[in-house]
Amino acid sequence: MTEQGYARKPRPGEGAGALLVRHVPTAGPADTAAQTLQSLMGRRHEYCGAVYIVDGEGRLQGLVPLSRLFAARGDELLIRMARNHMPMVRVDTHQEKVATLALVHGVNAVPVVDEEGRLLGVVPPQALYRVLRQEHVDDLHRIAGIRRENSHFLSPMEAAPIRRVLDRLPWLLVGLAGSMLATGVVAGFEHMLQSYIAVAFFVPGIVYLADAIGTQTEAITVRGLSLSHAGIGRLLAGELRTGFLIGAILGALSFPVVWVVFDDLRLALAVVISLTAAGTAATSVGLLFPWMLARLGKDPALGSGPLATIFQDVLSLLTYFLTVSAIVL
């Protein structure tokens, strides 16, 4: 009668102690079937699917299903018909673990004991059904990218328009400030653009591709935050490599086109380097911003888009113009 551990420590209200009922039929090891049936008469129990055998100290020794008890001879001792290979859990055992043990062992209820093995109560079938249903819903939500079933994630869609504006506008105001910064970056390279107008042709493409790569990463991250248990360092290293490969592939595809159309090898090379750097940065930003917002308790779906987008834009513009300055001009 042992309990296997559970990987995650339950939060308050998730342990077996929140589910148990205390008024259950009990009997001593030396009691007979007739004595036990007589003691059940006229008494009300919160769960009565089995009789739990306890010793003089209240320690659980086994259980006898009522169907077995009704079929027994009147003088048969409970301890001789008891089922003693059964799951037992503590009050802090995770509810999902309790439900899993019930399924594995084929029981309708799971007894809860203290550190000394004394019976505290039983998790009844109704509670097990609720746990299984809730865990099923939670799994579906995690697959859909919803971390918790609460109104916090429905508010941005179902709240009144004024509430929705108040939820979204602060992030967009940050984006507005960032767009002014991006304009300043472009203005700072005005002389370059005037002296070599072809440089300006690639600004929209580089900015767009960086945004597209970052948006992909943000969507994957917002969904994956509910599923992945990997550390941020491992995730960031993977995204850096992914972004580098994506940027390098896009740059390699654009290289012959830019070279042939503009007949400028150095400009084509600057575009390749800029796309590779933008792709690498975009995946990192697309991962870090949702992760940081989630760690701060903010909804990453609201804030990561505006913040990451403007950050990527400014970074992509700077990278492109500095690369052109170093290679082309």
Protein backbone atom coordinates (compact mmCIF):
# COMPACT_ATOMS: atom_id res chain seq x y z
CA MET A 1 0.00 0.00 0.00
CA THR A 2 2.33 2.65 -1.24
CA GLU A 3 1.98 5.93 -3.04
CA GLN A 4 4.19 6.88 -5.93
CA GLY A 5 5.40 10.47 -6.16
CA TYR A 6 4.04 13.13 -8.48
CA ALA A 7 6.24 15.37 -10.58
CA ARG A 8 4.71 18.72 -9.70
CA LYS A 9 4.02 19.94 -6.19
CA PRO A 10 0.31 20.73 -5.95
CA ARG A 11 -0.86 24.28 -5.43
CA PRO A 12 -3.26 25.00 -2.55
CA GLY A 13 -6.56 23.26 -3.24
CA GLU A 14 -5.02 20.75 -5.65
CA GLY A 15 -4.14 18.10 -3.07
CA ALA A 16 -6.18 15.07 -2.05
CA GLY A 17 -7.02 16.81 1.22
CA ALA A 18 -9.36 19.14 -0.66
CA LEU A 19 -11.37 16.17 -1.98
CA LEU A 20 -11.66 13.68 0.87
CA VAL A 21 -14.78 12.82 2.85
CA ARG A 22 -14.26 11.71 6.45
CA HIS A 23 -17.44 9.81 7.30
CA VAL A 24 -16.78 6.35 5.87
CA PRO A 25 -17.52 2.86 7.26
CA THR A 26 -14.70 1.42 9.39
CA ALA A 27 -14.28 -1.83 11.31
CA GLY A 28 -11.62 -3.68 13.28
CA PRO A 29 -9.56 -6.61 11.96
CA ALA A 30 -11.28 -9.04 14.33
CA ASP A 31 -14.83 -7.99 13.42
CA THR A 32 -17.00 -10.47 11.57
CA ALA A 33 -19.13 -9.85 8.51
CA ALA A 34 -22.32 -10.06 10.57
CA GLN A 35 -21.04 -7.57 13.16
CA THR A 36 -19.96 -5.16 10.47
CA LEU A 37 -23.26 -5.30 8.62
CA GLN A 38 -25.10 -4.74 11.88
CA SER A 39 -22.96 -1.69 12.64
CA LEU A 40 -23.81 -0.18 9.26
CA MET A 41 -27.54 -0.23 9.98
CA GLY A 42 -29.00 3.18 10.77
CA ARG A 43 -25.75 5.10 10.16
CA ARG A 44 -25.15 7.66 7.45
CA HIS A 45 -21.86 7.82 5.59
CA GLU A 46 -20.56 10.21 2.96
CA TYR A 47 -19.18 7.24 1.03
CA CYS A 48 -20.24 3.65 1.51
CA GLY A 49 -18.70 1.61 -1.27
CA ALA A 50 -16.43 -0.36 1.05
CA VAL A 51 -15.62 -0.96 4.71
CA TYR A 52 -12.15 0.18 5.73
CA ILE A 53 -10.33 -1.95 8.28
CA VAL A 54 -8.30 -0.02 10.85
CA ASP A 55 -6.35 -1.20 13.88
CA GLY A 56 -6.57 0.21 17.38
CA GLU A 57 -4.37 3.18 16.40
CA GLY A 58 -6.52 3.99 13.38
CA ARG A 59 -3.96 2.72 10.86
CA LEU A 60 -5.43 1.41 7.65
CA GLN A 61 -5.08 -2.37 7.23
CA GLY A 62 -7.21 -2.98 4.16
CA LEU A 63 -10.70 -2.70 2.79
CA VAL A 64 -13.64 -4.96 2.04
CA PRO A 65 -15.97 -3.98 -0.83
CA LEU A 66 -19.63 -4.06 0.18
CA SER A 67 -20.37 -6.60 -2.56
CA ARG A 68 -17.83 -8.96 -0.95
CA LEU A 69 -19.18 -8.24 2.52
CA PHE A 70 -22.79 -9.07 1.54
CA ALA A 71 -21.69 -12.38 0.01
CA ALA A 72 -19.60 -13.46 3.03
CA ARG A 73 -20.63 -15.86 5.81
CA GLY A 74 -21.74 -14.13 8.96
CA ASP A 75 -18.87 -15.49 11.07
CA GLU A 76 -16.14 -14.74 8.53
CA LEU A 77 -13.50 -12.29 9.79
CA LEU A 78 -13.06 -9.09 7.84
CA ILE A 79 -9.29 -9.36 7.87
CA ARG A 80 -9.52 -12.69 5.99
CA MET A 81 -11.53 -11.19 3.16
CA ALA A 82 -9.79 -7.82 3.11
CA ARG A 83 -8.12 -6.34 0.08
CA ASN A 84 -4.80 -4.99 1.33
CA HIS A 85 -3.09 -4.28 -1.99
CA MET A 86 -4.64 -0.91 -2.69
CA PRO A 87 -3.49 2.65 -3.35
CA MET A 88 -3.12 5.06 -0.45
CA VAL A 89 -2.36 8.76 -0.74
CA ARG A 90 -1.47 11.65 1.55
CA VAL A 91 -3.39 14.88 1.89
CA ASP A 92 -0.85 16.70 -0.28
CA THR A 93 -0.88 14.18 -3.13
CA HIS A 94 -1.79 15.89 -6.40
CA GLN A 95 -5.40 15.32 -7.44
CA GLU A 96 -4.43 14.08 -10.89
CA LYS A 97 -2.20 11.46 -9.27
CA VAL A 98 -5.09 10.34 -7.08
CA ALA A 99 -7.36 9.88 -10.10
CA THR A 100 -4.61 8.03 -11.98
CA LEU A 101 -4.06 5.62 -9.08
CA ALA A 102 -7.79 4.89 -8.96
CA LEU A 103 -7.78 3.99 -12.66
CA VAL A 104 -4.62 1.89 -12.47
CA HIS A 105 -5.80 -0.10 -9.44
CA GLY A 106 -9.41 -0.37 -10.58
CA VAL A 107 -10.97 1.20 -7.48
CA ASN A 108 -13.83 3.66 -7.16
CA ALA A 109 -12.38 5.55 -4.21
CA VAL A 110 -8.93 6.20 -2.80
CA PRO A 111 -8.20 6.28 0.96
CA VAL A 112 -6.22 9.20 2.38
CA VAL A 113 -3.83 8.56 5.28
CA ASP A 114 -1.44 10.62 7.40
CA GLU A 115 2.30 10.10 7.86
CA GLU A 116 1.64 7.24 10.32
CA GLY A 117 -0.77 5.46 8.00
CA ARG A 118 -3.88 6.47 9.97
CA LEU A 119 -7.04 6.74 7.90
CA LEU A 120 -8.20 10.33 7.45
CA GLY A 121 -10.90 9.80 4.87
CA VAL A 122 -11.59 8.75 1.31
CA VAL A 123 -11.59 10.54 -2.06
CA PRO A 124 -15.02 9.42 -3.37
CA PRO A 125 -15.99 8.61 -6.97
CA GLN A 126 -17.71 11.95 -7.59
CA ALA A 127 -14.51 13.82 -6.74
CA LEU A 128 -12.45 11.55 -8.98
CA TYR A 129 -14.82 12.20 -11.89
CA ARG A 130 -14.50 15.96 -11.36
CA VAL A 131 -10.70 15.73 -11.31
CA LEU A 132 -10.56 13.65 -14.49
CA ARG A 133 -12.91 16.04 -16.26
CA GLN A 134 -10.94 19.11 -15.14
CA GLU A 135 -7.60 17.60 -16.12
CA HIS A 136 -9.06 16.72 -19.53
CA VAL A 137 -10.22 20.32 -20.01
CA ASP A 138 -6.84 21.65 -18.84
CA ASP A 139 -5.02 19.42 -21.33
CA LEU A 140 -7.19 20.72 -24.16
CA HIS A 141 -6.53 24.29 -23.05
CA ARG A 142 -2.79 23.71 -22.93
CA ILE A 143 -2.89 22.31 -26.47
CA ALA A 144 -4.78 25.45 -27.55
CA GLY A 145 -2.28 27.69 -25.77
CA ILE A 146 -4.54 28.67 -22.85
CA ARG A 147 -2.68 28.44 -19.57
CA ARG A 148 -5.58 28.67 -17.14
CA GLU A 149 -9.35 28.48 -17.37
CA ASN A 150 -10.26 31.93 -16.09
CA SER A 151 -11.74 35.22 -17.25
CA HIS A 152 -8.32 36.85 -17.58
CA PHE A 153 -7.83 35.37 -21.04
CA LEU A 154 -11.42 35.95 -22.15
CA SER A 155 -11.44 39.62 -21.17
CA PRO A 156 -9.55 40.90 -24.24
CA MET A 157 -12.21 39.30 -26.49
CA GLU A 158 -15.46 39.53 -24.52
CA ALA A 159 -15.10 42.67 -22.40
CA ALA A 160 -16.78 45.97 -23.22
CA PRO A 161 -15.05 48.03 -25.94
CA ILE A 162 -13.71 50.57 -23.43
CA ARG A 163 -12.19 47.75 -21.37
CA ARG A 164 -10.60 46.28 -24.48
CA VAL A 165 -9.12 49.67 -25.38
CA LEU A 166 -7.67 50.04 -21.89
CA ASP A 167 -6.13 46.57 -22.14
CA ARG A 168 -4.51 47.14 -25.53
CA LEU A 169 -3.76 50.86 -25.81
CA PRO A 170 -0.83 51.05 -23.32
CA TRP A 171 1.17 48.55 -25.37
CA LEU A 172 0.38 50.40 -28.58
CA LEU A 173 1.49 53.69 -27.05
CA VAL A 174 4.86 52.08 -26.42
CA GLY A 175 4.82 51.02 -30.05
CA LEU A 176 4.04 54.59 -31.10
CA ALA A 177 7.07 55.85 -29.22
CA GLY A 178 9.16 53.13 -30.80
CA SER A 179 7.94 54.06 -34.30
CA MET A 180 9.15 57.61 -33.72
CA LEU A 181 12.51 56.13 -32.75
CA ALA A 182 12.53 54.09 -35.98
CA THR A 183 11.80 57.26 -37.95
CA GLY A 184 14.74 58.89 -36.23
CA VAL A 185 16.98 56.01 -37.24
CA VAL A 186 16.00 56.40 -40.89
CA ALA A 187 16.47 60.18 -40.69
CA GLY A 188 19.93 59.63 -39.24
CA PHE A 189 20.99 57.90 -42.44
CA GLU A 190 19.41 60.46 -44.75
CA HIS A 191 22.71 61.30 -46.42
CA MET A 192 23.25 57.62 -47.27
CA LEU A 193 19.79 57.33 -48.80
CA GLN A 194 20.28 60.45 -50.87
CA SER A 195 23.66 59.38 -52.18
CA TYR A 196 22.58 55.82 -53.05
CA ILE A 197 18.84 55.59 -53.53
CA ALA A 198 18.91 51.81 -54.14
CA VAL A 199 19.62 51.31 -50.42
CA ALA A 200 16.09 52.48 -49.64
CA PHE A 201 14.51 49.83 -51.85
CA PHE A 202 15.33 47.04 -49.40
CA VAL A 203 14.17 48.70 -46.19
CA PRO A 204 10.53 47.50 -46.43
CA GLY A 205 11.57 43.95 -47.32
CA ILE A 206 14.09 43.55 -44.52
CA VAL A 207 11.72 45.07 -41.94
CA TYR A 208 8.83 42.91 -43.14
CA LEU A 209 10.80 39.66 -43.09
CA ALA A 210 12.12 40.40 -39.60
CA ASP A 211 8.55 41.08 -38.43
CA ALA A 212 7.26 37.91 -40.08
CA ILE A 213 9.96 35.76 -38.50
CA GLY A 214 9.38 37.37 -35.11
CA THR A 215 5.59 36.98 -35.37
CA GLN A 216 5.98 33.27 -36.08
CA THR A 217 8.18 32.89 -33.02
CA GLU A 218 5.80 34.91 -30.82
CA ALA A 219 2.82 32.75 -31.81
CA ILE A 220 4.76 29.55 -31.15
CA THR A 221 6.08 30.90 -27.84
CA VAL A 222 2.70 32.10 -26.52
CA ARG A 223 1.28 28.65 -27.24
CA GLY A 224 4.38 26.78 -26.08
CA LEU A 225 4.62 28.57 -22.72
CA SER A 226 1.79 26.31 -21.53
CA LEU A 227 3.42 23.12 -22.74
CA SER A 228 7.20 23.33 -22.58
CA HIS A 229 9.16 22.69 -19.39
CA ALA A 230 12.54 23.48 -20.95
CA GLY A 231 14.67 26.26 -19.49
CA ILE A 232 14.83 29.66 -21.17
CA GLY A 233 18.52 29.18 -21.96
CA ARG A 234 17.88 26.03 -23.94
CA LEU A 235 14.91 27.60 -25.75
CA LEU A 236 16.87 30.74 -26.59
CA ALA A 237 19.82 28.76 -27.96
CA GLY A 238 17.46 26.82 -30.21
CA GLU A 239 15.75 29.98 -31.47
CA LEU A 240 19.10 31.66 -32.17
CA ARG A 241 20.15 28.76 -34.38
CA THR A 242 16.73 28.64 -36.03
CA GLY A 243 16.71 32.38 -36.75
CA PHE A 244 20.24 32.26 -38.13
CA LEU A 245 19.33 29.43 -40.53
CA ILE A 246 16.11 31.13 -41.66
CA GLY A 247 17.84 34.46 -42.20
CA ALA A 248 20.76 32.84 -44.03
CA ILE A 249 18.42 30.91 -46.35
CA LEU A 250 16.36 34.02 -47.16
CA GLY A 251 19.53 36.00 -47.70
CA ALA A 252 21.02 33.36 -49.99
CA LEU A 253 17.83 33.31 -52.07
CA SER A 254 17.84 37.10 -52.39
CA PHE A 255 21.58 37.39 -53.16
CA PRO A 256 21.54 36.50 -56.90
CA VAL A 257 18.41 38.59 -57.50
CA VAL A 258 19.88 41.73 -55.94
CA TRP A 259 23.21 41.20 -57.67
CA VAL A 260 21.68 40.69 -61.12
CA VAL A 261 19.02 43.41 -60.90
CA PHE A 262 21.19 46.15 -59.35
CA ASP A 263 24.54 44.93 -60.66
CA ASP A 264 26.11 45.58 -57.24
CA LEU A 265 27.85 42.74 -55.48
CA ARG A 266 28.49 44.74 -52.30
CA LEU A 267 24.83 45.75 -51.97
CA ALA A 268 23.76 42.14 -52.46
CA LEU A 269 26.21 41.06 -49.79
CA ALA A 270 24.90 43.74 -47.39
CA VAL A 271 21.36 42.49 -47.92
CA VAL A 272 22.42 38.90 -47.17
CA ILE A 273 24.20 39.90 -43.96
CA SER A 274 21.29 42.11 -42.87
CA LEU A 275 18.70 39.38 -43.45
CA THR A 276 20.79 36.83 -41.56
CA ALA A 277 21.26 39.19 -38.61
CA ALA A 278 17.59 40.27 -38.68
CA GLY A 279 16.39 36.66 -38.68
CA THR A 280 18.64 35.73 -35.77
CA ALA A 281 17.53 38.75 -33.74
CA ALA A 282 13.84 38.36 -34.62
CA THR A 283 13.53 34.82 -33.26
CA SER A 284 15.31 35.81 -30.06
CA VAL A 285 13.11 38.86 -29.54
CA GLY A 286 9.99 36.86 -30.44
CA LEU A 287 10.87 34.38 -27.69
CA LEU A 288 12.13 36.70 -24.97
CA PHE A 289 9.32 39.27 -24.97
CA PRO A 290 6.44 36.77 -24.43
CA TRP A 291 8.54 34.90 -21.87
CA MET A 292 9.35 38.06 -19.90
CA LEU A 293 5.73 39.24 -19.95
CA ALA A 294 4.54 35.83 -18.75
CA ARG A 295 7.09 35.90 -15.93
CA LEU A 296 5.80 39.34 -14.92
CA GLY A 297 2.22 38.07 -14.82
CA LYS A 298 1.14 39.98 -17.93
CA ASP A 299 -0.78 38.54 -20.85
CA PRO A 300 1.88 37.85 -23.53
CA ALA A 301 -0.78 37.84 -26.25
CA LEU A 302 -1.45 41.55 -25.65
CA GLY A 303 1.99 42.99 -25.06
CA SER A 304 4.48 40.86 -26.96
CA GLY A 305 3.26 41.85 -30.45
CA PRO A 306 3.59 45.65 -30.20
CA LEU A 307 6.77 45.57 -28.11
CA ALA A 308 8.60 42.92 -30.09
CA THR A 309 7.57 44.39 -33.45
CA ILE A 310 8.94 47.87 -32.83
CA PHE A 311 12.08 46.49 -31.18
CA GLN A 312 12.70 44.28 -34.21
CA ASP A 313 12.05 47.16 -36.61
CA VAL A 314 14.56 49.47 -34.96
CA LEU A 315 17.13 46.69 -34.66
CA SER A 316 16.67 45.63 -38.29
CA LEU A 317 17.02 49.19 -39.58
CA LEU A 318 20.15 49.81 -37.56
CA THR A 319 21.69 46.53 -38.68
CA TYR A 320 20.90 47.19 -42.33
CA PHE A 321 22.14 50.77 -42.44
CA LEU A 322 25.31 50.01 -40.48
CA THR A 323 26.05 47.05 -42.75
CA VAL A 324 25.54 49.15 -45.86
CA SER A 325 27.78 51.86 -44.40
CA ALA A 326 30.54 49.34 -43.75
CA ILE A 327 30.34 47.42 -47.04
CA VAL A 328 28.78 49.55 -49.76
CA LEU A 329 29.75 53.16 -49.07
